[in-house]
Amino acid sequence: SPKEMEILPISHFSFQSFGFPPDEFTLFRKRVKGKQVYVMHSHSDKGYVKVDLQVGFEGTYDLYISYFKSPESGTLQIFQRQKPISEVFNINASEFEYVGKKLFGRITINEREAPLTFRMTGEKGKCDFILDRIHLVRNDNK
């Protein structure tokens, strides 16, 4: 399995389910500060998106994420199979602020896919998660 892999949402995600009916939750792409990003937006005060990372290998990987903090965001926590793999991160900022390759936690990839759930909370209509990309780095000290 590769030592490191960069995952772009469009090419490696299959979106499995949403925590809300479609009229409550929107996924869209837009440009923020010159970067093409993927926005997970809930019209309520919380939301979650479950994705399957489609990768062609197995193993234990450190999960790094490049994303934007924003005035439209609150907190983010990431789960794998209902277990939190990250603490609750504050992703709110007074303006769009790029965070490159931040370590969130460790994930296990079995059968070449890794289910991840992104849980966002915030004020009503302000709990966006603005994702640039995901980086997986193999962790050999299991």
N, C-alpha and C. Protein backbone atom coordinates (compact mmCIF):
# COMPACT_ATOMS: atom_id res chain seq x y z
N SER A 1 0.85 -1.19 0.00
CA SER A 1 0.00 0.00 0.00
C SER A 1 0.89 1.25 0.00
N PRO A 2 0.41 2.31 -0.63
CA PRO A 2 1.26 3.50 -0.77
C PRO A 2 1.53 4.18 0.56
N LYS A 3 2.67 4.87 0.61
CA LYS A 3 3.05 5.59 1.83
C LYS A 3 2.14 6.79 2.03
N GLU A 4 1.75 7.44 0.95
CA GLU A 4 0.95 8.65 1.06
C GLU A 4 0.03 8.76 -0.14
N MET A 5 -1.15 9.30 0.09
CA MET A 5 -2.11 9.47 -1.00
C MET A 5 -2.90 10.74 -0.78
N GLU A 6 -3.12 11.47 -1.86
CA GLU A 6 -3.93 12.68 -1.79
C GLU A 6 -5.27 12.36 -2.44
N ILE A 7 -6.35 12.74 -1.76
CA ILE A 7 -7.67 12.38 -2.25
C ILE A 7 -8.46 13.64 -2.55
N LEU A 8 -8.90 13.74 -3.80
CA LEU A 8 -9.77 14.85 -4.19
C LEU A 8 -11.20 14.37 -4.10
N PRO A 9 -12.07 15.15 -3.48
CA PRO A 9 -13.43 14.67 -3.22
C PRO A 9 -14.15 14.11 -4.44
N ILE A 10 -14.06 14.80 -5.56
CA ILE A 10 -14.88 14.38 -6.69
C ILE A 10 -14.48 13.00 -7.19
N SER A 11 -13.17 12.73 -7.25
CA SER A 11 -12.76 11.48 -7.87
C SER A 11 -12.77 10.29 -6.94
N HIS A 12 -12.71 10.51 -5.64
CA HIS A 12 -12.58 9.37 -4.72
C HIS A 12 -13.72 9.21 -3.72
N PHE A 13 -14.77 10.02 -3.84
CA PHE A 13 -15.87 9.90 -2.89
C PHE A 13 -17.04 9.19 -3.53
N SER A 14 -17.71 8.35 -2.75
CA SER A 14 -19.07 8.01 -3.12
C SER A 14 -19.90 8.47 -1.93
N PHE A 15 -20.88 9.31 -2.16
CA PHE A 15 -21.68 9.82 -1.06
C PHE A 15 -22.78 8.83 -0.79
N GLN A 16 -22.77 8.32 0.42
CA GLN A 16 -23.66 7.22 0.73
C GLN A 16 -24.99 7.72 1.27
N SER A 17 -24.93 8.59 2.25
CA SER A 17 -26.17 9.02 2.85
C SER A 17 -25.97 10.37 3.50
N PHE A 18 -27.06 11.05 3.76
CA PHE A 18 -26.99 12.34 4.40
C PHE A 18 -27.82 12.30 5.67
N GLY A 19 -27.50 13.17 6.59
CA GLY A 19 -28.26 13.21 7.83
C GLY A 19 -29.56 13.95 7.71
N PHE A 20 -29.82 14.52 6.54
CA PHE A 20 -31.00 15.33 6.37
C PHE A 20 -31.69 14.99 5.07
N PRO A 21 -32.98 15.33 4.96
CA PRO A 21 -33.61 15.23 3.65
C PRO A 21 -32.89 16.19 2.69
N PRO A 22 -32.95 15.91 1.41
CA PRO A 22 -32.20 16.72 0.43
C PRO A 22 -32.50 18.22 0.52
N ASP A 23 -33.71 18.59 0.91
CA ASP A 23 -34.01 20.02 0.97
C ASP A 23 -33.34 20.70 2.17
N GLU A 24 -32.80 19.91 3.07
CA GLU A 24 -32.10 20.47 4.23
C GLU A 24 -30.59 20.50 4.03
N PHE A 25 -30.12 19.74 3.07
CA PHE A 25 -28.68 19.56 2.95
C PHE A 25 -28.25 19.70 1.50
N THR A 26 -27.16 20.42 1.28
CA THR A 26 -26.69 20.64 -0.09
C THR A 26 -25.19 20.38 -0.14
N LEU A 27 -24.76 19.75 -1.22
CA LEU A 27 -23.33 19.57 -1.48
C LEU A 27 -23.05 20.31 -2.77
N PHE A 28 -22.07 21.18 -2.76
CA PHE A 28 -21.78 21.88 -4.01
C PHE A 28 -20.30 22.26 -4.07
N ARG A 29 -19.87 22.58 -5.28
CA ARG A 29 -18.49 23.01 -5.49
C ARG A 29 -18.47 24.51 -5.69
N LYS A 30 -17.43 25.14 -5.22
CA LYS A 30 -17.24 26.56 -5.53
C LYS A 30 -15.76 26.90 -5.40
N ARG A 31 -15.41 28.09 -5.84
CA ARG A 31 -14.03 28.54 -5.69
C ARG A 31 -13.93 29.44 -4.48
N VAL A 32 -12.95 29.13 -3.62
CA VAL A 32 -12.67 29.99 -2.47
C VAL A 32 -11.19 30.33 -2.53
N LYS A 33 -10.89 31.59 -2.60
CA LYS A 33 -9.50 32.05 -2.66
C LYS A 33 -8.69 31.26 -3.69
N GLY A 34 -9.27 31.07 -4.87
CA GLY A 34 -8.54 30.42 -5.97
C GLY A 34 -8.53 28.91 -5.93
N LYS A 35 -9.11 28.32 -4.90
CA LYS A 35 -9.13 26.85 -4.82
C LYS A 35 -10.54 26.33 -5.10
N GLN A 36 -10.60 25.24 -5.85
CA GLN A 36 -11.88 24.59 -6.12
C GLN A 36 -12.19 23.70 -4.92
N VAL A 37 -13.22 24.05 -4.14
CA VAL A 37 -13.50 23.32 -2.91
C VAL A 37 -14.87 22.65 -2.98
N TYR A 38 -15.08 21.79 -2.01
CA TYR A 38 -16.32 21.04 -1.90
C TYR A 38 -17.00 21.47 -0.63
N VAL A 39 -18.21 22.00 -0.73
CA VAL A 39 -18.90 22.54 0.44
C VAL A 39 -20.00 21.59 0.88
N MET A 40 -19.98 21.23 2.16
CA MET A 40 -21.07 20.46 2.76
C MET A 40 -21.88 21.48 3.56
N HIS A 41 -23.10 21.75 3.12
CA HIS A 41 -23.90 22.81 3.72
C HIS A 41 -25.23 22.28 4.23
N SER A 42 -25.53 22.59 5.48
CA SER A 42 -26.84 22.25 6.05
C SER A 42 -27.60 23.53 6.33
N HIS A 43 -28.90 23.51 6.06
CA HIS A 43 -29.72 24.69 6.33
C HIS A 43 -30.13 24.72 7.80
N SER A 44 -29.83 23.66 8.53
CA SER A 44 -30.20 23.60 9.94
C SER A 44 -28.97 23.97 10.78
N ASP A 45 -28.97 23.62 12.07
CA ASP A 45 -27.84 23.98 12.93
C ASP A 45 -26.89 22.82 13.12
N LYS A 46 -27.12 21.74 12.38
CA LYS A 46 -26.17 20.63 12.41
C LYS A 46 -26.38 19.79 11.16
N GLY A 47 -25.41 18.93 10.89
CA GLY A 47 -25.57 18.07 9.74
C GLY A 47 -24.48 17.03 9.73
N TYR A 48 -24.71 15.99 8.98
CA TYR A 48 -23.61 15.06 8.79
C TYR A 48 -23.65 14.50 7.38
N VAL A 49 -22.47 14.19 6.90
CA VAL A 49 -22.31 13.60 5.58
C VAL A 49 -21.48 12.35 5.76
N LYS A 50 -21.98 11.26 5.21
CA LYS A 50 -21.23 10.01 5.27
C LYS A 50 -20.65 9.76 3.89
N VAL A 51 -19.37 9.50 3.82
CA VAL A 51 -18.73 9.22 2.54
C VAL A 51 -17.97 7.91 2.64
N ASP A 52 -17.79 7.28 1.51
CA ASP A 52 -16.87 6.15 1.43
C ASP A 52 -15.68 6.61 0.63
N LEU A 53 -14.51 6.59 1.26
CA LEU A 53 -13.30 6.88 0.51
C LEU A 53 -12.99 5.65 -0.32
N GLN A 54 -12.92 5.84 -1.61
CA GLN A 54 -12.64 4.73 -2.51
C GLN A 54 -11.13 4.69 -2.76
N VAL A 55 -10.47 3.76 -2.12
CA VAL A 55 -9.03 3.65 -2.33
C VAL A 55 -8.70 2.19 -2.64
N GLY A 56 -7.61 1.98 -3.33
CA GLY A 56 -7.32 0.63 -3.78
C GLY A 56 -6.36 -0.13 -2.90
N PHE A 57 -6.40 0.13 -1.59
CA PHE A 57 -5.45 -0.53 -0.70
C PHE A 57 -6.02 -0.60 0.69
N GLU A 58 -5.30 -1.28 1.59
CA GLU A 58 -5.75 -1.42 2.98
C GLU A 58 -4.64 -0.96 3.90
N GLY A 59 -4.97 -0.79 5.17
CA GLY A 59 -3.94 -0.43 6.14
C GLY A 59 -4.42 0.62 7.12
N THR A 60 -3.50 1.07 7.97
CA THR A 60 -3.80 2.11 8.95
C THR A 60 -3.14 3.40 8.49
N TYR A 61 -3.94 4.45 8.42
CA TYR A 61 -3.46 5.72 7.87
C TYR A 61 -3.80 6.89 8.78
N ASP A 62 -2.88 7.85 8.84
CA ASP A 62 -3.18 9.11 9.50
C ASP A 62 -3.97 9.95 8.51
N LEU A 63 -5.04 10.56 9.02
CA LEU A 63 -5.95 11.34 8.18
C LEU A 63 -5.66 12.83 8.37
N TYR A 64 -5.17 13.44 7.30
CA TYR A 64 -4.93 14.89 7.29
C TYR A 64 -5.95 15.51 6.35
N ILE A 65 -6.40 16.70 6.70
CA ILE A 65 -7.39 17.37 5.86
C ILE A 65 -6.96 18.81 5.59
N SER A 66 -7.10 19.21 4.33
CA SER A 66 -6.91 20.61 3.96
C SER A 66 -8.30 21.20 3.73
N TYR A 67 -8.58 22.32 4.38
CA TYR A 67 -9.94 22.86 4.36
C TYR A 67 -9.90 24.36 4.66
N PHE A 68 -11.04 25.00 4.59
CA PHE A 68 -11.15 26.40 4.97
C PHE A 68 -11.96 26.55 6.24
N LYS A 69 -11.44 27.32 7.19
CA LYS A 69 -12.28 27.85 8.26
C LYS A 69 -13.10 28.97 7.63
N SER A 70 -14.30 29.22 8.17
CA SER A 70 -15.12 30.27 7.56
C SER A 70 -16.14 30.83 8.54
N PRO A 71 -16.70 31.99 8.21
CA PRO A 71 -17.76 32.58 9.03
C PRO A 71 -19.04 31.74 8.98
N GLU A 72 -19.14 30.88 7.96
CA GLU A 72 -20.33 30.03 7.78
C GLU A 72 -20.17 28.68 8.46
N SER A 73 -19.09 28.51 9.23
CA SER A 73 -18.80 27.20 9.83
C SER A 73 -18.86 27.27 11.35
N GLY A 74 -18.99 26.10 11.96
CA GLY A 74 -19.01 26.01 13.42
C GLY A 74 -17.96 25.04 13.90
N THR A 75 -18.39 23.78 14.14
CA THR A 75 -17.43 22.76 14.56
C THR A 75 -17.51 21.57 13.62
N LEU A 76 -16.45 20.77 13.65
CA LEU A 76 -16.39 19.56 12.84
C LEU A 76 -15.80 18.44 13.68
N GLN A 77 -16.41 17.26 13.59
CA GLN A 77 -15.84 16.06 14.18
C GLN A 77 -15.98 14.94 13.17
N ILE A 78 -15.00 14.06 13.11
CA ILE A 78 -15.01 12.97 12.13
C ILE A 78 -15.12 11.63 12.83
N PHE A 79 -15.97 10.79 12.28
CA PHE A 79 -16.22 9.46 12.84
C PHE A 79 -15.91 8.41 11.79
N GLN A 80 -15.51 7.23 12.26
CA GLN A 80 -15.42 6.06 11.38
C GLN A 80 -16.20 4.94 12.06
N ARG A 81 -17.23 4.46 11.36
CA ARG A 81 -18.11 3.43 11.92
C ARG A 81 -18.60 3.81 13.32
N GLN A 82 -19.19 4.98 13.43
CA GLN A 82 -19.78 5.50 14.68
C GLN A 82 -18.79 5.83 15.79
N LYS A 83 -17.50 5.58 15.55
CA LYS A 83 -16.52 5.91 16.59
C LYS A 83 -15.80 7.20 16.21
N PRO A 84 -15.71 8.15 17.16
CA PRO A 84 -14.98 9.37 16.81
C PRO A 84 -13.51 9.08 16.58
N ILE A 85 -12.97 9.58 15.49
CA ILE A 85 -11.53 9.43 15.27
C ILE A 85 -10.83 10.77 15.46
N SER A 86 -11.63 11.83 15.66
CA SER A 86 -11.03 13.15 15.90
C SER A 86 -11.71 13.78 17.10
N GLU A 87 -11.05 14.78 17.66
CA GLU A 87 -11.72 15.61 18.64
C GLU A 87 -12.69 16.52 17.90
N VAL A 88 -13.40 17.36 18.62
CA VAL A 88 -14.27 18.34 17.99
C VAL A 88 -13.42 19.56 17.67
N PHE A 89 -13.30 19.89 16.39
CA PHE A 89 -12.48 21.03 15.97
C PHE A 89 -13.36 22.24 15.70
N ASN A 90 -12.90 23.40 16.17
CA ASN A 90 -13.58 24.64 15.84
C ASN A 90 -13.10 25.07 14.45
N ILE A 91 -14.03 25.13 13.49
CA ILE A 91 -13.63 25.51 12.12
C ILE A 91 -14.24 26.86 11.74
N ASN A 92 -14.63 27.62 12.76
CA ASN A 92 -15.19 28.95 12.52
C ASN A 92 -14.07 29.99 12.49
N ALA A 93 -14.20 30.98 11.62
CA ALA A 93 -13.26 32.10 11.58
C ALA A 93 -14.02 33.30 11.03
N SER A 94 -13.52 34.51 11.31
CA SER A 94 -14.25 35.70 10.88
C SER A 94 -14.15 35.90 9.37
N GLU A 95 -13.14 35.29 8.75
CA GLU A 95 -13.06 35.31 7.28
C GLU A 95 -12.53 33.96 6.81
N PHE A 96 -12.60 33.71 5.51
CA PHE A 96 -12.12 32.43 4.97
C PHE A 96 -10.63 32.30 5.24
N GLU A 97 -10.26 31.21 5.88
CA GLU A 97 -8.86 31.02 6.30
C GLU A 97 -8.46 29.59 5.94
N TYR A 98 -7.45 29.45 5.08
CA TYR A 98 -7.05 28.12 4.61
C TYR A 98 -6.21 27.41 5.66
N VAL A 99 -6.56 26.15 5.90
CA VAL A 99 -5.78 25.31 6.82
C VAL A 99 -5.26 24.14 5.98
N GLY A 100 -3.96 24.06 5.82
CA GLY A 100 -3.38 23.03 4.97
C GLY A 100 -2.93 21.82 5.76
N LYS A 101 -3.40 20.67 5.37
CA LYS A 101 -2.91 19.38 5.87
C LYS A 101 -2.88 19.29 7.39
N LYS A 102 -4.05 19.45 8.00
CA LYS A 102 -4.15 19.34 9.47
C LYS A 102 -4.47 17.90 9.84
N LEU A 103 -3.76 17.38 10.84
CA LEU A 103 -3.98 16.01 11.31
C LEU A 103 -5.28 15.93 12.10
N PHE A 104 -6.20 15.07 11.67
CA PHE A 104 -7.47 14.90 12.38
C PHE A 104 -7.49 13.63 13.21
N GLY A 105 -6.87 12.56 12.72
CA GLY A 105 -6.91 11.30 13.46
C GLY A 105 -6.37 10.17 12.62
N ARG A 106 -6.72 8.96 13.02
CA ARG A 106 -6.21 7.77 12.34
C ARG A 106 -7.37 6.92 11.88
N ILE A 107 -7.28 6.41 10.66
CA ILE A 107 -8.36 5.58 10.14
C ILE A 107 -7.83 4.23 9.69
N THR A 108 -8.72 3.28 9.63
CA THR A 108 -8.39 1.95 9.16
C THR A 108 -9.12 1.71 7.85
N ILE A 109 -8.38 1.25 6.86
CA ILE A 109 -8.98 0.97 5.56
C ILE A 109 -9.04 -0.55 5.39
N ASN A 110 -10.26 -1.06 5.29
CA ASN A 110 -10.49 -2.49 5.05
C ASN A 110 -11.22 -2.64 3.74
N GLU A 111 -10.94 -3.72 3.05
CA GLU A 111 -11.63 -4.01 1.79
C GLU A 111 -11.61 -2.80 0.86
N ARG A 112 -10.50 -2.07 0.89
CA ARG A 112 -10.24 -0.99 -0.05
C ARG A 112 -11.19 0.18 0.03
N GLU A 113 -11.91 0.28 1.15
CA GLU A 113 -12.68 1.50 1.32
C GLU A 113 -12.72 1.88 2.79
N ALA A 114 -12.95 3.16 3.01
CA ALA A 114 -12.99 3.67 4.37
C ALA A 114 -14.22 4.56 4.52
N PRO A 115 -15.22 4.10 5.29
CA PRO A 115 -16.36 4.96 5.53
C PRO A 115 -16.00 6.05 6.54
N LEU A 116 -16.31 7.28 6.22
CA LEU A 116 -16.07 8.39 7.14
C LEU A 116 -17.35 9.20 7.27
N THR A 117 -17.62 9.69 8.47
CA THR A 117 -18.75 10.58 8.66
C THR A 117 -18.25 11.91 9.19
N PHE A 118 -18.62 12.98 8.47
CA PHE A 118 -18.27 14.34 8.88
C PHE A 118 -19.48 14.92 9.61
N ARG A 119 -19.31 15.30 10.87
CA ARG A 119 -20.42 15.89 11.63
C ARG A 119 -20.13 17.34 11.92
N MET A 120 -21.04 18.19 11.49
CA MET A 120 -20.88 19.62 11.68
C MET A 120 -21.97 20.15 12.59
N THR A 121 -21.61 21.12 13.43
CA THR A 121 -22.62 21.83 14.22
C THR A 121 -22.32 23.31 14.12
N GLY A 122 -23.32 24.12 14.41
CA GLY A 122 -23.14 25.57 14.35
C GLY A 122 -24.46 26.26 14.56
N GLU A 123 -24.55 27.51 14.12
CA GLU A 123 -25.83 28.20 14.15
C GLU A 123 -26.63 27.76 12.94
N LYS A 124 -27.92 28.07 12.95
CA LYS A 124 -28.79 27.66 11.84
C LYS A 124 -28.26 28.20 10.52
N GLY A 125 -28.02 27.29 9.57
CA GLY A 125 -27.52 27.70 8.26
C GLY A 125 -26.04 28.03 8.25
N LYS A 126 -25.39 27.87 9.40
CA LYS A 126 -23.96 28.22 9.48
C LYS A 126 -23.17 27.07 10.08
N CYS A 127 -23.23 25.92 9.44
CA CYS A 127 -22.37 24.82 9.90
C CYS A 127 -21.74 24.14 8.69
N ASP A 128 -21.23 24.97 7.78
CA ASP A 128 -20.60 24.44 6.57
C ASP A 128 -19.26 23.77 6.89
N PHE A 129 -18.94 22.78 6.08
CA PHE A 129 -17.57 22.28 6.07
C PHE A 129 -17.06 22.46 4.65
N ILE A 130 -15.99 23.24 4.51
CA ILE A 130 -15.45 23.59 3.19
C ILE A 130 -14.16 22.80 2.99
N LEU A 131 -14.29 21.72 2.24
CA LEU A 131 -13.21 20.75 2.09
C LEU A 131 -12.39 21.01 0.83
N ASP A 132 -11.09 21.06 0.98
CA ASP A 132 -10.22 21.14 -0.19
C ASP A 132 -9.82 19.72 -0.59
N ARG A 133 -9.08 19.03 0.29
CA ARG A 133 -8.68 17.66 -0.02
C ARG A 133 -8.30 16.90 1.23
N ILE A 134 -8.21 15.60 1.07
CA ILE A 134 -7.85 14.70 2.16
C ILE A 134 -6.50 14.08 1.83
N HIS A 135 -5.66 13.95 2.84
CA HIS A 135 -4.35 13.32 2.65
C HIS A 135 -4.28 12.13 3.59
N LEU A 136 -3.89 11.00 3.06
CA LEU A 136 -3.68 9.80 3.89
C LEU A 136 -2.19 9.51 3.93
N VAL A 137 -1.66 9.32 5.12
CA VAL A 137 -0.26 8.98 5.28
C VAL A 137 -0.17 7.67 6.07
N ARG A 138 0.46 6.67 5.48
CA ARG A 138 0.49 5.35 6.11
C ARG A 138 1.16 5.42 7.48
N ASN A 139 0.53 4.77 8.45
CA ASN A 139 1.09 4.75 9.80
C ASN A 139 1.57 3.33 10.07
N ASP A 140 2.88 3.18 10.16
CA ASP A 140 3.43 1.84 10.28
C ASP A 140 3.61 1.39 11.73
N ASN A 141 3.46 2.34 12.69
CA ASN A 141 3.62 1.92 14.09
C ASN A 141 2.25 1.64 14.68
N LYS A 142 1.61 0.59 14.22
CA LYS A 142 0.23 0.29 14.62
C LYS A 142 0.14 0.19 16.14
